[in-house]
């Protein structure tokens, strides 16, 4: 089992920046892909960005050029740097880790709220 704990959310003005962190209770070395998802009120959860074990990244079109996903395996932590934030980025952000080897399966954090408003 792996527990994921997100932090770094909050209230920010449009155009501002936030850095989300997702700390894992165990090693993320074997997590073949990790990702950040978000869910706005009344909407389905959607993938924002993902990163493989070889650090190949993928972004939703709406955040390309503004968000950067990264992982630090030594610290067992996933990050999401969010710049030029827009009101439409407001959502609960969740981190996700996927393992094909031990501890096997898909794990989710509890989420952190990001609110972009003036």
Protein backbone atom coordinates (compact mmCIF):
# COMPACT_ATOMS: atom_id res chain seq x y z
CA UNK A 1 0.00 0.00 0.00
CA UNK A 2 1.07 3.55 -0.74
CA UNK A 3 -0.47 6.66 0.73
CA UNK A 4 -0.35 9.89 -1.25
CA UNK A 5 -0.72 13.27 0.44
CA UNK A 6 -1.14 16.43 -1.60
CA UNK A 7 -0.24 19.92 -0.38
CA UNK A 8 0.29 23.40 -1.75
CA UNK A 9 -3.23 24.32 -2.79
CA UNK A 10 -4.90 27.58 -1.85
CA UNK A 11 -6.41 30.81 -3.08
CA UNK A 12 -4.50 32.74 -5.74
CA UNK A 13 -5.30 35.66 -8.01
CA UNK A 14 -5.53 35.20 -11.79
CA UNK A 15 -2.05 35.23 -13.26
CA UNK A 16 -0.52 33.89 -10.08
CA UNK A 17 1.39 30.70 -9.39
CA UNK A 18 1.16 27.71 -7.10
CA UNK A 19 3.28 24.62 -6.63
CA UNK A 20 1.52 21.42 -5.65
CA UNK A 21 3.36 18.56 -3.99
CA UNK A 22 2.34 14.94 -3.57
CA UNK A 23 4.31 13.02 -0.97
CA UNK A 24 4.20 9.23 -1.13
CA UNK A 25 4.54 7.04 1.96
CA UNK A 26 6.65 4.59 -0.01
CA UNK A 27 8.98 4.49 -2.97
CA UNK A 28 7.79 5.90 -6.27
CA UNK A 29 10.72 4.36 -8.16
CA UNK A 30 8.44 1.63 -9.54
CA UNK A 31 5.49 3.92 -10.32
CA UNK A 32 5.47 3.56 -14.09
CA UNK A 33 3.28 6.62 -14.47
CA UNK A 34 2.14 9.32 -12.07
CA UNK A 35 -0.31 12.07 -12.73
CA UNK A 36 -2.23 15.09 -11.55
CA UNK A 37 -5.98 15.13 -12.08
CA UNK A 38 -8.52 17.78 -11.21
CA UNK A 39 -12.25 17.93 -10.62
CA UNK A 40 -14.28 21.10 -10.73
CA UNK A 41 -17.77 21.28 -9.19
CA UNK A 42 -20.31 19.53 -11.39
CA UNK A 43 -17.64 18.18 -13.73
CA UNK A 44 -15.88 14.88 -14.20
CA UNK A 45 -12.35 14.31 -12.97
CA UNK A 46 -9.88 15.02 -15.77
CA UNK A 47 -6.21 14.38 -16.37
CA UNK A 48 -4.10 17.51 -16.14
CA UNK A 49 -0.60 16.11 -16.60
CA UNK A 50 1.28 12.84 -16.34
CA UNK A 51 4.88 11.70 -16.13
CA UNK A 52 6.34 8.26 -16.71
CA UNK A 53 9.21 6.58 -14.92
CA UNK A 54 11.44 7.75 -17.77
CA UNK A 55 10.10 11.28 -17.21
CA UNK A 56 8.14 11.47 -20.41
CA UNK A 57 5.46 14.07 -19.80
CA UNK A 58 2.01 14.66 -21.19
CA UNK A 59 -0.28 17.66 -20.66
CA UNK A 60 -3.88 18.56 -21.22
CA UNK A 61 -4.03 21.16 -24.00
CA UNK A 62 -5.48 23.84 -21.73
CA UNK A 63 -2.43 23.81 -19.41
CA UNK A 64 0.39 23.39 -21.93
CA UNK A 65 3.00 26.08 -21.50
CA UNK A 66 1.64 27.04 -18.06
CA UNK A 67 1.98 23.88 -15.93
CA UNK A 68 5.03 21.69 -15.39
CA UNK A 69 4.92 18.22 -13.87
CA UNK A 70 8.01 16.68 -12.30
CA UNK A 71 8.96 13.88 -9.95
CA UNK A 72 11.78 13.45 -7.44
CA UNK A 73 12.19 9.73 -6.82
CA UNK A 74 14.77 10.35 -4.08
CA UNK A 75 12.15 12.31 -2.13
CA UNK A 76 9.21 10.13 -3.21
CA UNK A 77 7.43 13.27 -4.30
CA UNK A 78 5.48 14.40 -7.35
CA UNK A 79 5.14 18.11 -8.18
CA UNK A 80 2.96 20.35 -10.30
CA UNK A 81 4.19 23.88 -10.93
CA UNK A 82 1.26 26.00 -12.05
CA UNK A 83 1.88 29.43 -13.56
CA UNK A 84 -0.39 32.00 -15.20
CA UNK A 85 -3.35 30.55 -13.37
CA UNK A 86 -6.84 31.21 -14.67
CA UNK A 87 -10.24 31.06 -12.94
CA UNK A 88 -11.03 27.96 -15.00
CA UNK A 89 -8.15 26.16 -13.26
CA UNK A 90 -10.20 26.20 -10.04
CA UNK A 91 -10.74 22.63 -8.91
CA UNK A 92 -9.70 19.99 -6.43
CA UNK A 93 -6.39 18.57 -7.60
CA UNK A 94 -5.55 14.90 -7.01
CA UNK A 95 -2.33 13.01 -7.49
CA UNK A 96 -2.25 9.48 -8.79
CA UNK A 97 0.37 6.74 -8.90
CA UNK A 98 0.28 3.52 -10.89
CA UNK A 99 2.34 0.40 -10.23
CA UNK A 100 2.78 -2.68 -12.39
CA UNK A 101 5.06 -4.19 -9.75
CA UNK A 102 4.90 -4.07 -5.95
CA UNK A 103 2.83 -2.56 -4.39
CA UNK A 104 0.66 -3.06 -7.53
CA UNK A 105 -2.39 -1.05 -8.48
CA UNK A 106 -3.52 2.54 -8.66
CA UNK A 107 -3.38 4.94 -5.74
CA UNK A 108 -4.98 8.34 -5.18
CA UNK A 109 -4.42 11.19 -2.78
CA UNK A 110 -7.22 12.95 -0.92
CA UNK A 111 -7.00 16.10 -3.02
CA UNK A 112 -6.06 19.73 -2.48
CA UNK A 113 -8.26 22.71 -3.37
CA UNK A 114 -6.99 25.30 -5.84
CA UNK A 115 -9.08 28.45 -6.19
CA UNK A 116 -8.19 31.13 -8.72
CA UNK A 117 -10.14 34.29 -8.05
CA UNK A 118 -9.70 38.02 -7.67
